[in-house]
Amino acid sequence: MENFVGDLNLKKYEDYVNVFDALSHPARIKIIGILAEGRQYVSELARLVNISRPLLYMHLKKLEAARLVVSTMELSSSGKAMKYYALEDFELQITKELLNQLSERIVIENQGGKQ
């Protein structure tokens, strides 16, 4: 099975690093869980996750960089700009074979410290 996030087929090591990094925080997993049920307005999403909007935006930035979520701006009936977030379509299967393939591309340089 191919792994994909939105229109991005995950083939490069760096693509996986972005996804793994985005999924490495409980708040971001909570955000994904909420968005799996449908798109959300930023203020409502912050209330549901129980974090401040600035902190929410920090987490959403990581999720957007990994292409797991997308945002849209809409105008309310009163003319107020409202930002919505939605979950991208994605499918990931992490296997020991995949991790083995990715590990072969990792080069760790000795920083002069003890090993």
N, C-alpha and C. Protein backbone atom coordinates (compact mmCIF):
# COMPACT_ATOMS: atom_id res chain seq x y z
N MET A 1 0.84 -1.18 0.00
CA MET A 1 0.00 0.00 0.00
C MET A 1 0.89 1.24 0.00
N GLU A 2 0.50 2.22 -0.81
CA GLU A 2 1.21 3.49 -0.84
C GLU A 2 0.70 4.39 0.28
N ASN A 3 1.60 5.11 0.89
CA ASN A 3 1.22 6.10 1.88
C ASN A 3 1.04 7.44 1.18
N PHE A 4 -0.03 8.12 1.51
CA PHE A 4 -0.25 9.43 0.91
C PHE A 4 -0.88 10.37 1.93
N VAL A 5 -0.61 11.65 1.73
CA VAL A 5 -1.21 12.72 2.53
C VAL A 5 -1.68 13.76 1.53
N GLY A 6 -2.98 13.95 1.43
CA GLY A 6 -3.52 14.87 0.43
C GLY A 6 -3.09 14.43 -0.95
N ASP A 7 -2.47 15.32 -1.69
CA ASP A 7 -1.99 14.97 -3.02
C ASP A 7 -0.51 14.59 -3.02
N LEU A 8 0.05 14.38 -1.85
CA LEU A 8 1.47 14.08 -1.71
C LEU A 8 1.67 12.59 -1.45
N ASN A 9 2.29 11.90 -2.39
CA ASN A 9 2.71 10.53 -2.14
C ASN A 9 3.98 10.59 -1.31
N LEU A 10 3.96 9.93 -0.18
CA LEU A 10 5.13 9.96 0.69
C LEU A 10 6.18 9.01 0.13
N LYS A 11 7.25 9.58 -0.36
CA LYS A 11 8.32 8.77 -0.94
C LYS A 11 9.67 9.12 -0.34
N LYS A 12 9.82 10.37 0.04
CA LYS A 12 11.10 10.83 0.56
C LYS A 12 11.11 10.75 2.09
N TYR A 13 12.28 10.54 2.61
CA TYR A 13 12.48 10.50 4.06
C TYR A 13 11.94 11.77 4.71
N GLU A 14 12.20 12.93 4.09
CA GLU A 14 11.79 14.22 4.66
C GLU A 14 10.28 14.34 4.77
N ASP A 15 9.55 13.75 3.81
CA ASP A 15 8.09 13.76 3.88
C ASP A 15 7.61 13.05 5.13
N TYR A 16 8.20 11.92 5.43
CA TYR A 16 7.82 11.16 6.62
C TYR A 16 8.20 11.90 7.89
N VAL A 17 9.37 12.54 7.90
CA VAL A 17 9.80 13.29 9.08
C VAL A 17 8.77 14.36 9.42
N ASN A 18 8.27 15.09 8.41
CA ASN A 18 7.26 16.12 8.65
C ASN A 18 5.99 15.53 9.25
N VAL A 19 5.56 14.39 8.72
CA VAL A 19 4.34 13.74 9.24
C VAL A 19 4.58 13.24 10.66
N PHE A 20 5.70 12.56 10.88
CA PHE A 20 5.98 12.04 12.22
C PHE A 20 6.08 13.18 13.23
N ASP A 21 6.73 14.28 12.84
CA ASP A 21 6.86 15.44 13.72
C ASP A 21 5.48 16.01 14.04
N ALA A 22 4.63 16.12 13.03
CA ALA A 22 3.29 16.67 13.25
C ALA A 22 2.46 15.78 14.18
N LEU A 23 2.69 14.49 14.15
CA LEU A 23 1.92 13.56 14.98
C LEU A 23 2.56 13.30 16.35
N SER A 24 3.63 14.03 16.66
CA SER A 24 4.38 13.74 17.88
C SER A 24 3.87 14.47 19.13
N HIS A 25 2.77 15.18 19.02
CA HIS A 25 2.26 15.92 20.18
C HIS A 25 0.80 15.55 20.42
N PRO A 26 0.42 15.29 21.68
CA PRO A 26 -0.97 14.90 21.97
C PRO A 26 -2.01 15.92 21.52
N ALA A 27 -1.69 17.21 21.62
CA ALA A 27 -2.66 18.23 21.19
C ALA A 27 -2.94 18.13 19.70
N ARG A 28 -1.91 17.83 18.91
CA ARG A 28 -2.11 17.72 17.47
C ARG A 28 -2.92 16.47 17.12
N ILE A 29 -2.73 15.41 17.87
CA ILE A 29 -3.55 14.21 17.64
C ILE A 29 -5.00 14.51 18.03
N LYS A 30 -5.20 15.27 19.11
CA LYS A 30 -6.55 15.68 19.51
C LYS A 30 -7.20 16.52 18.42
N ILE A 31 -6.45 17.44 17.85
CA ILE A 31 -6.95 18.29 16.77
C ILE A 31 -7.39 17.42 15.59
N ILE A 32 -6.55 16.47 15.22
CA ILE A 32 -6.89 15.57 14.11
C ILE A 32 -8.16 14.80 14.41
N GLY A 33 -8.29 14.33 15.65
CA GLY A 33 -9.50 13.60 16.04
C GLY A 33 -10.75 14.44 15.92
N ILE A 34 -10.67 15.69 16.31
CA ILE A 34 -11.82 16.60 16.22
C ILE A 34 -12.14 16.88 14.75
N LEU A 35 -11.10 17.15 13.96
CA LEU A 35 -11.32 17.47 12.56
C LEU A 35 -11.78 16.25 11.75
N ALA A 36 -11.53 15.05 12.27
CA ALA A 36 -12.01 13.84 11.59
C ALA A 36 -13.54 13.81 11.57
N GLU A 37 -14.15 14.52 12.52
CA GLU A 37 -15.61 14.59 12.59
C GLU A 37 -16.18 15.71 11.74
N GLY A 38 -15.33 16.60 11.22
CA GLY A 38 -15.79 17.69 10.36
C GLY A 38 -14.96 18.94 10.58
N ARG A 39 -15.03 19.83 9.62
CA ARG A 39 -14.25 21.06 9.71
C ARG A 39 -14.71 21.91 10.89
N GLN A 40 -13.80 22.75 11.37
CA GLN A 40 -14.09 23.58 12.54
C GLN A 40 -13.57 24.99 12.36
N TYR A 41 -14.31 25.94 12.91
CA TYR A 41 -13.89 27.33 13.00
C TYR A 41 -12.82 27.41 14.09
N VAL A 42 -11.83 28.26 13.90
CA VAL A 42 -10.67 28.34 14.80
C VAL A 42 -11.08 28.52 16.26
N SER A 43 -11.95 29.45 16.56
CA SER A 43 -12.31 29.70 17.96
C SER A 43 -12.97 28.47 18.59
N GLU A 44 -13.83 27.82 17.85
CA GLU A 44 -14.49 26.61 18.36
C GLU A 44 -13.48 25.49 18.54
N LEU A 45 -12.56 25.36 17.61
CA LEU A 45 -11.53 24.33 17.71
C LEU A 45 -10.67 24.56 18.95
N ALA A 46 -10.31 25.80 19.22
CA ALA A 46 -9.52 26.12 20.43
C ALA A 46 -10.28 25.73 21.69
N ARG A 47 -11.59 25.99 21.70
CA ARG A 47 -12.41 25.60 22.87
C ARG A 47 -12.46 24.08 23.02
N LEU A 48 -12.63 23.38 21.91
CA LEU A 48 -12.74 21.92 21.97
C LEU A 48 -11.43 21.27 22.42
N VAL A 49 -10.31 21.84 22.01
CA VAL A 49 -9.00 21.29 22.40
C VAL A 49 -8.60 21.81 23.78
N ASN A 50 -9.22 22.92 24.20
CA ASN A 50 -8.95 23.54 25.50
C ASN A 50 -7.56 24.16 25.56
N ILE A 51 -7.21 24.88 24.48
CA ILE A 51 -5.96 25.63 24.44
C ILE A 51 -6.24 27.02 23.87
N SER A 52 -5.29 27.92 24.05
CA SER A 52 -5.45 29.28 23.52
C SER A 52 -5.35 29.27 22.00
N ARG A 53 -5.90 30.31 21.39
CA ARG A 53 -5.82 30.40 19.93
C ARG A 53 -4.39 30.52 19.44
N PRO A 54 -3.51 31.32 20.10
CA PRO A 54 -2.12 31.37 19.62
C PRO A 54 -1.44 29.99 19.67
N LEU A 55 -1.68 29.25 20.74
CA LEU A 55 -1.10 27.91 20.83
C LEU A 55 -1.71 26.98 19.78
N LEU A 56 -3.01 27.10 19.56
CA LEU A 56 -3.67 26.30 18.53
C LEU A 56 -3.05 26.58 17.17
N TYR A 57 -2.83 27.86 16.85
CA TYR A 57 -2.23 28.20 15.56
C TYR A 57 -0.84 27.59 15.41
N MET A 58 -0.06 27.53 16.50
CA MET A 58 1.26 26.91 16.44
C MET A 58 1.13 25.44 16.04
N HIS A 59 0.17 24.74 16.67
CA HIS A 59 -0.03 23.33 16.34
C HIS A 59 -0.57 23.16 14.93
N LEU A 60 -1.49 24.02 14.53
CA LEU A 60 -2.06 23.92 13.18
C LEU A 60 -1.00 24.18 12.11
N LYS A 61 -0.05 25.05 12.41
CA LYS A 61 1.04 25.32 11.47
C LYS A 61 1.84 24.05 11.18
N LYS A 62 2.13 23.28 12.23
CA LYS A 62 2.85 22.01 12.04
C LYS A 62 2.02 21.02 11.23
N LEU A 63 0.72 20.96 11.54
CA LEU A 63 -0.15 20.04 10.81
C LEU A 63 -0.29 20.45 9.35
N GLU A 64 -0.32 21.75 9.10
CA GLU A 64 -0.38 22.24 7.71
C GLU A 64 0.93 21.95 6.97
N ALA A 65 2.05 22.12 7.64
CA ALA A 65 3.35 21.85 7.01
C ALA A 65 3.46 20.40 6.58
N ALA A 66 2.86 19.52 7.37
CA ALA A 66 2.85 18.09 7.03
C ALA A 66 1.73 17.74 6.06
N ARG A 67 0.92 18.73 5.72
CA ARG A 67 -0.20 18.60 4.79
C ARG A 67 -1.30 17.67 5.30
N LEU A 68 -1.45 17.65 6.63
CA LEU A 68 -2.51 16.85 7.24
C LEU A 68 -3.81 17.64 7.37
N VAL A 69 -3.71 18.97 7.44
CA VAL A 69 -4.90 19.81 7.52
C VAL A 69 -4.79 20.93 6.48
N VAL A 70 -5.95 21.48 6.12
CA VAL A 70 -6.02 22.62 5.21
C VAL A 70 -6.92 23.68 5.83
N SER A 71 -6.68 24.92 5.46
CA SER A 71 -7.49 26.01 5.99
C SER A 71 -8.17 26.77 4.85
N THR A 72 -9.31 27.36 5.18
CA THR A 72 -10.03 28.23 4.24
C THR A 72 -10.55 29.42 5.01
N MET A 73 -10.61 30.54 4.33
CA MET A 73 -11.21 31.75 4.90
C MET A 73 -12.58 31.93 4.28
N GLU A 74 -13.55 32.26 5.12
CA GLU A 74 -14.91 32.51 4.65
C GLU A 74 -15.43 33.76 5.32
N LEU A 75 -16.37 34.40 4.68
CA LEU A 75 -17.02 35.57 5.26
C LEU A 75 -18.34 35.15 5.87
N SER A 76 -18.57 35.58 7.11
CA SER A 76 -19.85 35.31 7.76
C SER A 76 -20.90 36.25 7.17
N SER A 77 -22.14 36.03 7.52
CA SER A 77 -23.22 36.89 7.02
C SER A 77 -23.04 38.34 7.48
N SER A 78 -22.31 38.53 8.59
CA SER A 78 -22.06 39.89 9.08
C SER A 78 -20.82 40.52 8.45
N GLY A 79 -20.13 39.76 7.60
CA GLY A 79 -18.94 40.28 6.93
C GLY A 79 -17.64 39.99 7.65
N LYS A 80 -17.71 39.26 8.75
CA LYS A 80 -16.51 38.91 9.52
C LYS A 80 -15.77 37.77 8.82
N ALA A 81 -14.45 37.90 8.70
CA ALA A 81 -13.62 36.84 8.12
C ALA A 81 -13.48 35.73 9.15
N MET A 82 -13.75 34.50 8.73
CA MET A 82 -13.66 33.35 9.63
C MET A 82 -12.76 32.30 8.99
N LYS A 83 -11.83 31.79 9.80
CA LYS A 83 -10.90 30.79 9.30
C LYS A 83 -11.35 29.41 9.79
N TYR A 84 -11.49 28.49 8.84
CA TYR A 84 -11.88 27.12 9.12
C TYR A 84 -10.73 26.18 8.80
N TYR A 85 -10.67 25.10 9.55
CA TYR A 85 -9.68 24.05 9.28
C TYR A 85 -10.42 22.74 9.04
N ALA A 86 -9.85 21.96 8.12
CA ALA A 86 -10.41 20.64 7.80
C ALA A 86 -9.26 19.66 7.66
N LEU A 87 -9.58 18.42 7.89
CA LEU A 87 -8.59 17.36 7.78
C LEU A 87 -8.43 16.97 6.31
N GLU A 88 -7.20 16.83 5.87
CA GLU A 88 -6.92 16.33 4.52
C GLU A 88 -7.20 14.84 4.51
N ASP A 89 -7.42 14.32 3.33
CA ASP A 89 -7.54 12.88 3.19
C ASP A 89 -6.13 12.31 3.25
N PHE A 90 -5.92 11.33 4.10
CA PHE A 90 -4.60 10.70 4.14
C PHE A 90 -4.72 9.26 4.60
N GLU A 91 -3.70 8.51 4.24
CA GLU A 91 -3.61 7.12 4.66
C GLU A 91 -2.15 6.80 4.91
N LEU A 92 -1.89 6.29 6.09
CA LEU A 92 -0.52 5.95 6.48
C LEU A 92 -0.49 4.54 7.03
N GLN A 93 0.48 3.78 6.57
CA GLN A 93 0.72 2.47 7.15
C GLN A 93 2.20 2.43 7.51
N ILE A 94 2.46 2.34 8.79
CA ILE A 94 3.84 2.32 9.26
C ILE A 94 4.20 0.90 9.63
N THR A 95 5.15 0.37 8.92
CA THR A 95 5.58 -1.01 9.14
C THR A 95 7.07 -1.03 9.49
N LYS A 96 7.52 -2.15 9.99
CA LYS A 96 8.95 -2.25 10.27
C LYS A 96 9.76 -2.17 8.98
N GLU A 97 9.19 -2.65 7.87
CA GLU A 97 9.88 -2.56 6.59
C GLU A 97 10.03 -1.10 6.14
N LEU A 98 8.96 -0.31 6.33
CA LEU A 98 9.03 1.10 5.98
C LEU A 98 10.09 1.80 6.83
N LEU A 99 10.07 1.57 8.13
CA LEU A 99 11.04 2.21 9.01
C LEU A 99 12.47 1.76 8.68
N ASN A 100 12.62 0.51 8.27
CA ASN A 100 13.94 0.02 7.85
C ASN A 100 14.40 0.77 6.61
N GLN A 101 13.52 0.94 5.63
CA GLN A 101 13.88 1.68 4.41
C GLN A 101 14.25 3.13 4.73
N LEU A 102 13.46 3.75 5.59
CA LEU A 102 13.76 5.13 5.97
C LEU A 102 15.08 5.23 6.72
N SER A 103 15.36 4.25 7.59
CA SER A 103 16.59 4.29 8.39
C SER A 103 17.83 4.20 7.51
N GLU A 104 17.71 3.55 6.37
CA GLU A 104 18.86 3.43 5.46
C GLU A 104 19.26 4.77 4.86
N ARG A 105 18.35 5.73 4.87
CA ARG A 105 18.63 7.06 4.30
C ARG A 105 19.14 8.04 5.35
N ILE A 106 19.19 7.62 6.60
CA ILE A 106 19.62 8.51 7.68
C ILE A 106 21.12 8.40 7.87
N VAL A 107 21.77 9.54 7.87
CA VAL A 107 23.19 9.61 8.15
C VAL A 107 23.35 10.48 9.38
N ILE A 108 23.88 9.89 10.43
CA ILE A 108 24.11 10.62 11.67
C ILE A 108 25.59 10.91 11.77
N GLU A 109 25.88 12.19 11.76
CA GLU A 109 27.29 12.60 11.82
C GLU A 109 27.72 12.72 13.26
N ASN A 110 28.91 12.28 13.53
CA ASN A 110 29.48 12.39 14.88
C ASN A 110 29.75 13.86 15.16
N GLN A 111 29.19 14.35 16.22
CA GLN A 111 29.33 15.77 16.59
C GLN A 111 30.55 15.99 17.49
N GLY A 112 31.45 15.03 17.55
CA GLY A 112 32.64 15.17 18.38
C GLY A 112 32.42 14.73 19.81
N GLY A 113 31.22 14.28 20.12
CA GLY A 113 30.90 13.83 21.47
C GLY A 113 31.11 12.34 21.60
N LYS A 114 30.87 11.86 22.79
CA LYS A 114 30.99 10.42 23.04
C LYS A 114 29.83 9.69 22.39
N GLN A 115 30.08 8.46 22.02
CA GLN A 115 29.03 7.64 21.42
C GLN A 115 28.47 6.67 22.40
